Amino acid sequence: MMNSKNTALEQTQIYQCDSKVQQTLQSVGDHLHKLCAGHANRLVKVETVHGDVFEGHIVHCDRGILYLCLSNEGYNRAFFPGPPNPVSDFVLPLVLFNLLTISLL
């Protein structure tokens, strides 16, 4: 039997993923993981479902996350002008489920 102190700690679930949706998402995630892992170190252009576009090299793909080293070729950083510095390259983690397109460049 629970007392009033325990009831305050209970969680109220407001969402549960449908099992068919979960299976579809898992299948898509597995497919994208294999695809991205097979193109590691390749220059790509990625567009998200929200319309954001990024160019860079695929660094790694793990647990639903694509790690993209953003390309800064031809660009000077606002506070650090000069040639690109490999040490200062920015790695952007992108959620695989938010990706709309991945194109090899």
N, C-alpha and C. Protein backbone atom coordinates (compact mmCIF):
# COMPACT_ATOMS: atom_id res chain seq x y z
N MET A 1 0.83 -1.19 0.00
CA MET A 1 0.00 0.00 0.00
C MET A 1 0.87 1.24 0.00
N MET A 2 0.54 2.22 -0.84
CA MET A 2 1.33 3.45 -0.92
C MET A 2 0.75 4.52 -0.02
N ASN A 3 1.65 5.26 0.56
CA ASN A 3 1.17 6.40 1.34
C ASN A 3 1.26 7.67 0.50
N SER A 4 0.84 8.79 1.04
CA SER A 4 0.79 10.04 0.27
C SER A 4 2.18 10.53 -0.14
N LYS A 5 3.22 10.19 0.60
CA LYS A 5 4.58 10.61 0.24
C LYS A 5 5.02 9.90 -1.05
N ASN A 6 4.70 8.61 -1.21
CA ASN A 6 5.07 7.86 -2.41
C ASN A 6 4.28 8.31 -3.63
N THR A 7 3.02 8.71 -3.46
CA THR A 7 2.20 9.11 -4.60
C THR A 7 2.75 10.37 -5.24
N ALA A 8 3.33 11.25 -4.47
CA ALA A 8 3.90 12.48 -5.01
C ALA A 8 5.09 12.18 -5.92
N LEU A 9 5.74 11.04 -5.72
CA LEU A 9 6.91 10.69 -6.52
C LEU A 9 6.55 9.90 -7.77
N GLU A 10 5.30 9.48 -7.91
CA GLU A 10 4.89 8.72 -9.09
C GLU A 10 4.98 9.59 -10.33
N GLN A 11 5.25 8.95 -11.46
CA GLN A 11 5.35 9.66 -12.72
C GLN A 11 4.07 9.47 -13.51
N THR A 12 3.68 10.51 -14.22
CA THR A 12 2.53 10.42 -15.09
C THR A 12 3.01 10.34 -16.52
N GLN A 13 2.71 9.25 -17.18
CA GLN A 13 3.14 9.04 -18.56
C GLN A 13 2.23 9.86 -19.49
N ILE A 14 2.84 10.68 -20.36
CA ILE A 14 2.04 11.48 -21.28
C ILE A 14 2.22 11.04 -22.74
N TYR A 15 3.16 10.13 -22.99
CA TYR A 15 3.37 9.63 -24.35
C TYR A 15 3.98 8.24 -24.30
N GLN A 16 3.52 7.38 -25.18
CA GLN A 16 4.15 6.08 -25.38
C GLN A 16 4.14 5.80 -26.87
N CYS A 17 5.30 5.51 -27.41
CA CYS A 17 5.45 5.24 -28.83
C CYS A 17 4.72 3.95 -29.20
N ASP A 18 3.97 4.00 -30.27
CA ASP A 18 3.28 2.82 -30.79
C ASP A 18 4.34 1.80 -31.21
N SER A 19 4.07 0.53 -30.97
CA SER A 19 5.07 -0.51 -31.25
C SER A 19 5.41 -0.59 -32.74
N LYS A 20 4.44 -0.35 -33.63
CA LYS A 20 4.73 -0.36 -35.06
C LYS A 20 5.63 0.82 -35.45
N VAL A 21 5.38 1.97 -34.85
CA VAL A 21 6.23 3.14 -35.10
C VAL A 21 7.64 2.86 -34.58
N GLN A 22 7.72 2.25 -33.40
CA GLN A 22 9.03 1.92 -32.83
C GLN A 22 9.81 0.99 -33.76
N GLN A 23 9.14 -0.02 -34.30
CA GLN A 23 9.80 -0.95 -35.21
C GLN A 23 10.26 -0.24 -36.49
N THR A 24 9.44 0.65 -37.01
CA THR A 24 9.80 1.41 -38.21
C THR A 24 11.00 2.31 -37.93
N LEU A 25 10.96 3.02 -36.82
CA LEU A 25 12.08 3.89 -36.46
C LEU A 25 13.37 3.10 -36.27
N GLN A 26 13.27 1.93 -35.65
CA GLN A 26 14.45 1.09 -35.45
C GLN A 26 15.01 0.63 -36.79
N SER A 27 14.13 0.25 -37.71
CA SER A 27 14.54 -0.20 -39.03
C SER A 27 15.22 0.93 -39.81
N VAL A 28 14.63 2.11 -39.77
CA VAL A 28 15.22 3.27 -40.45
C VAL A 28 16.56 3.62 -39.82
N GLY A 29 16.62 3.59 -38.49
CA GLY A 29 17.88 3.88 -37.79
C GLY A 29 18.99 2.91 -38.15
N ASP A 30 18.65 1.62 -38.21
CA ASP A 30 19.64 0.60 -38.58
C ASP A 30 20.14 0.82 -40.01
N HIS A 31 19.21 1.13 -40.91
CA HIS A 31 19.57 1.36 -42.31
C HIS A 31 20.49 2.58 -42.44
N LEU A 32 20.13 3.68 -41.79
CA LEU A 32 20.95 4.89 -41.86
C LEU A 32 22.31 4.68 -41.21
N HIS A 33 22.34 3.92 -40.12
CA HIS A 33 23.61 3.64 -39.46
C HIS A 33 24.56 2.91 -40.40
N LYS A 34 24.07 1.86 -41.06
CA LYS A 34 24.90 1.10 -42.01
C LYS A 34 25.34 1.98 -43.17
N LEU A 35 24.43 2.78 -43.67
CA LEU A 35 24.73 3.67 -44.79
C LEU A 35 25.82 4.67 -44.42
N CYS A 36 25.66 5.32 -43.28
CA CYS A 36 26.63 6.33 -42.85
C CYS A 36 27.97 5.70 -42.47
N ALA A 37 27.94 4.56 -41.80
CA ALA A 37 29.19 3.89 -41.43
C ALA A 37 29.96 3.47 -42.67
N GLY A 38 29.25 3.10 -43.72
CA GLY A 38 29.88 2.70 -44.97
C GLY A 38 30.46 3.87 -45.76
N HIS A 39 30.13 5.08 -45.36
CA HIS A 39 30.65 6.27 -46.03
C HIS A 39 31.44 7.18 -45.08
N ALA A 40 32.03 6.57 -44.05
CA ALA A 40 32.84 7.33 -43.09
C ALA A 40 33.97 8.06 -43.82
N ASN A 41 34.26 9.24 -43.36
CA ASN A 41 35.31 10.11 -43.88
C ASN A 41 34.98 10.70 -45.26
N ARG A 42 33.78 10.49 -45.75
CA ARG A 42 33.36 11.06 -47.03
C ARG A 42 32.75 12.43 -46.79
N LEU A 43 32.93 13.31 -47.77
CA LEU A 43 32.32 14.64 -47.74
C LEU A 43 30.87 14.50 -48.17
N VAL A 44 29.96 15.02 -47.35
CA VAL A 44 28.54 14.92 -47.63
C VAL A 44 27.83 16.25 -47.37
N LYS A 45 26.66 16.36 -47.94
CA LYS A 45 25.74 17.45 -47.62
C LYS A 45 24.53 16.79 -46.99
N VAL A 46 24.13 17.29 -45.83
CA VAL A 46 23.02 16.72 -45.07
C VAL A 46 21.94 17.78 -44.92
N GLU A 47 20.70 17.38 -45.19
CA GLU A 47 19.57 18.27 -44.95
C GLU A 47 18.66 17.63 -43.92
N THR A 48 18.24 18.42 -42.93
CA THR A 48 17.37 17.91 -41.89
C THR A 48 15.90 18.14 -42.27
N VAL A 49 15.01 17.48 -41.56
CA VAL A 49 13.58 17.65 -41.82
C VAL A 49 13.13 19.07 -41.50
N HIS A 50 13.94 19.82 -40.79
CA HIS A 50 13.60 21.20 -40.45
C HIS A 50 14.18 22.20 -41.45
N GLY A 51 14.85 21.69 -42.50
CA GLY A 51 15.39 22.55 -43.54
C GLY A 51 16.81 23.03 -43.33
N ASP A 52 17.46 22.61 -42.26
CA ASP A 52 18.86 22.99 -42.04
C ASP A 52 19.74 22.16 -42.95
N VAL A 53 20.79 22.80 -43.53
CA VAL A 53 21.70 22.11 -44.44
C VAL A 53 23.12 22.26 -43.91
N PHE A 54 23.85 21.13 -43.85
CA PHE A 54 25.22 21.12 -43.37
C PHE A 54 26.09 20.35 -44.35
N GLU A 55 27.34 20.82 -44.52
CA GLU A 55 28.32 20.10 -45.32
C GLU A 55 29.49 19.73 -44.42
N GLY A 56 29.97 18.52 -44.60
CA GLY A 56 31.11 18.09 -43.81
C GLY A 56 31.43 16.64 -44.06
N HIS A 57 32.37 16.14 -43.29
CA HIS A 57 32.81 14.75 -43.41
C HIS A 57 32.17 13.91 -42.30
N ILE A 58 31.70 12.73 -42.67
CA ILE A 58 31.15 11.82 -41.68
C ILE A 58 32.29 11.32 -40.82
N VAL A 59 32.21 11.61 -39.53
CA VAL A 59 33.25 11.18 -38.59
C VAL A 59 32.89 9.83 -37.99
N HIS A 60 31.64 9.69 -37.58
CA HIS A 60 31.23 8.47 -36.87
C HIS A 60 29.71 8.42 -36.84
N CYS A 61 29.18 7.25 -36.64
CA CYS A 61 27.74 7.07 -36.49
C CYS A 61 27.53 6.05 -35.39
N ASP A 62 26.76 6.43 -34.37
CA ASP A 62 26.57 5.53 -33.24
C ASP A 62 25.28 5.85 -32.51
N ARG A 63 24.50 4.82 -32.23
CA ARG A 63 23.28 4.94 -31.42
C ARG A 63 22.33 6.04 -31.91
N GLY A 64 22.11 6.09 -33.20
CA GLY A 64 21.16 7.04 -33.75
C GLY A 64 21.68 8.44 -33.95
N ILE A 65 22.99 8.62 -33.78
CA ILE A 65 23.60 9.95 -33.93
C ILE A 65 24.65 9.89 -35.04
N LEU A 66 24.59 10.85 -35.97
CA LEU A 66 25.60 11.01 -37.01
C LEU A 66 26.51 12.14 -36.57
N TYR A 67 27.80 11.89 -36.50
CA TYR A 67 28.77 12.91 -36.13
C TYR A 67 29.41 13.44 -37.41
N LEU A 68 29.17 14.71 -37.68
CA LEU A 68 29.60 15.34 -38.92
C LEU A 68 30.61 16.43 -38.60
N CYS A 69 31.83 16.30 -39.15
CA CYS A 69 32.85 17.34 -38.99
C CYS A 69 32.55 18.39 -40.05
N LEU A 70 32.09 19.55 -39.60
CA LEU A 70 31.66 20.57 -40.54
C LEU A 70 32.81 21.06 -41.39
N SER A 71 32.53 21.23 -42.66
CA SER A 71 33.52 21.72 -43.61
C SER A 71 33.63 23.23 -43.46
N ASN A 72 34.85 23.72 -43.26
CA ASN A 72 35.04 25.17 -43.21
C ASN A 72 35.94 25.61 -44.35
N GLU A 73 36.02 24.79 -45.40
CA GLU A 73 36.84 25.13 -46.55
C GLU A 73 36.27 26.35 -47.25
N GLY A 74 37.13 27.33 -47.51
CA GLY A 74 36.71 28.53 -48.20
C GLY A 74 36.05 29.56 -47.30
N TYR A 75 35.95 29.28 -46.01
CA TYR A 75 35.32 30.19 -45.09
C TYR A 75 36.31 30.60 -44.02
N ASN A 76 36.25 31.86 -43.61
CA ASN A 76 37.02 32.33 -42.48
C ASN A 76 36.07 32.46 -41.30
N ARG A 77 36.51 32.06 -40.16
CA ARG A 77 35.67 32.22 -38.98
C ARG A 77 35.69 33.69 -38.57
N ALA A 78 34.61 34.15 -38.01
CA ALA A 78 34.46 35.56 -37.68
C ALA A 78 35.57 36.07 -36.76
N PHE A 79 35.94 35.29 -35.77
CA PHE A 79 36.94 35.76 -34.81
C PHE A 79 38.30 35.13 -35.01
N PHE A 80 38.40 34.18 -35.94
CA PHE A 80 39.66 33.49 -36.18
C PHE A 80 39.95 33.44 -37.68
N PRO A 81 40.25 34.60 -38.30
CA PRO A 81 40.50 34.58 -39.74
C PRO A 81 41.75 33.79 -40.08
N GLY A 82 41.81 33.35 -41.31
CA GLY A 82 42.97 32.61 -41.77
C GLY A 82 42.57 31.27 -42.32
N PRO A 83 43.56 30.46 -42.68
CA PRO A 83 43.27 29.15 -43.26
C PRO A 83 42.58 28.24 -42.24
N PRO A 84 41.83 27.26 -42.75
CA PRO A 84 41.16 26.33 -41.83
C PRO A 84 42.17 25.60 -40.95
N ASN A 85 41.81 25.43 -39.72
CA ASN A 85 42.68 24.76 -38.76
C ASN A 85 42.01 23.43 -38.39
N PRO A 86 42.65 22.30 -38.74
CA PRO A 86 42.02 21.01 -38.46
C PRO A 86 41.71 20.80 -36.99
N VAL A 87 42.46 21.45 -36.11
CA VAL A 87 42.23 21.30 -34.69
C VAL A 87 40.94 21.99 -34.28
N SER A 88 40.56 23.07 -35.00
CA SER A 88 39.38 23.82 -34.62
C SER A 88 38.12 23.39 -35.36
N ASP A 89 38.20 22.31 -36.15
CA ASP A 89 37.01 21.82 -36.85
C ASP A 89 35.94 21.44 -35.83
N PHE A 90 34.72 21.76 -36.15
CA PHE A 90 33.60 21.52 -35.25
C PHE A 90 32.88 20.25 -35.66
N VAL A 91 32.66 19.36 -34.72
CA VAL A 91 31.92 18.13 -34.99
C VAL A 91 30.50 18.32 -34.48
N LEU A 92 29.55 18.20 -35.40
CA LEU A 92 28.15 18.40 -35.10
C LEU A 92 27.44 17.06 -34.97
N PRO A 93 26.82 16.78 -33.83
CA PRO A 93 26.03 15.54 -33.72
C PRO A 93 24.63 15.78 -34.28
N LEU A 94 24.19 14.93 -35.17
CA LEU A 94 22.85 15.04 -35.77
C LEU A 94 22.08 13.76 -35.50
N VAL A 95 20.84 13.89 -35.10
CA VAL A 95 19.98 12.73 -34.85
C VAL A 95 19.56 12.15 -36.19
N LEU A 96 19.82 10.86 -36.40
CA LEU A 96 19.51 10.22 -37.68
C LEU A 96 18.06 10.38 -38.09
N PHE A 97 17.14 10.36 -37.14
CA PHE A 97 15.73 10.44 -37.47
C PHE A 97 15.32 11.82 -37.96
N ASN A 98 16.18 12.82 -37.77
CA ASN A 98 15.88 14.17 -38.24
C ASN A 98 16.46 14.45 -39.62
N LEU A 99 17.12 13.46 -40.22
CA LEU A 99 17.75 13.67 -41.51
C LEU A 99 16.77 13.39 -42.64
N LEU A 100 16.75 14.32 -43.60
CA LEU A 100 15.88 14.16 -44.76
C LEU A 100 16.67 13.62 -45.94
N THR A 101 17.86 14.21 -46.16
CA THR A 101 18.71 13.73 -47.25
C THR A 101 20.17 13.73 -46.82
N ILE A 102 20.94 12.82 -47.41
CA ILE A 102 22.39 12.78 -47.28
C ILE A 102 22.93 12.59 -48.69
N SER A 103 23.74 13.54 -49.14
CA SER A 103 24.28 13.49 -50.51
C SER A 103 25.79 13.47 -50.48
N LEU A 104 26.39 12.57 -51.26
CA LEU A 104 27.85 12.56 -51.39
C LEU A 104 28.28 13.75 -52.23
N LEU A 105 29.35 14.40 -51.84
CA LEU A 105 29.88 15.54 -52.61
C LEU A 105 31.22 15.17 -53.23
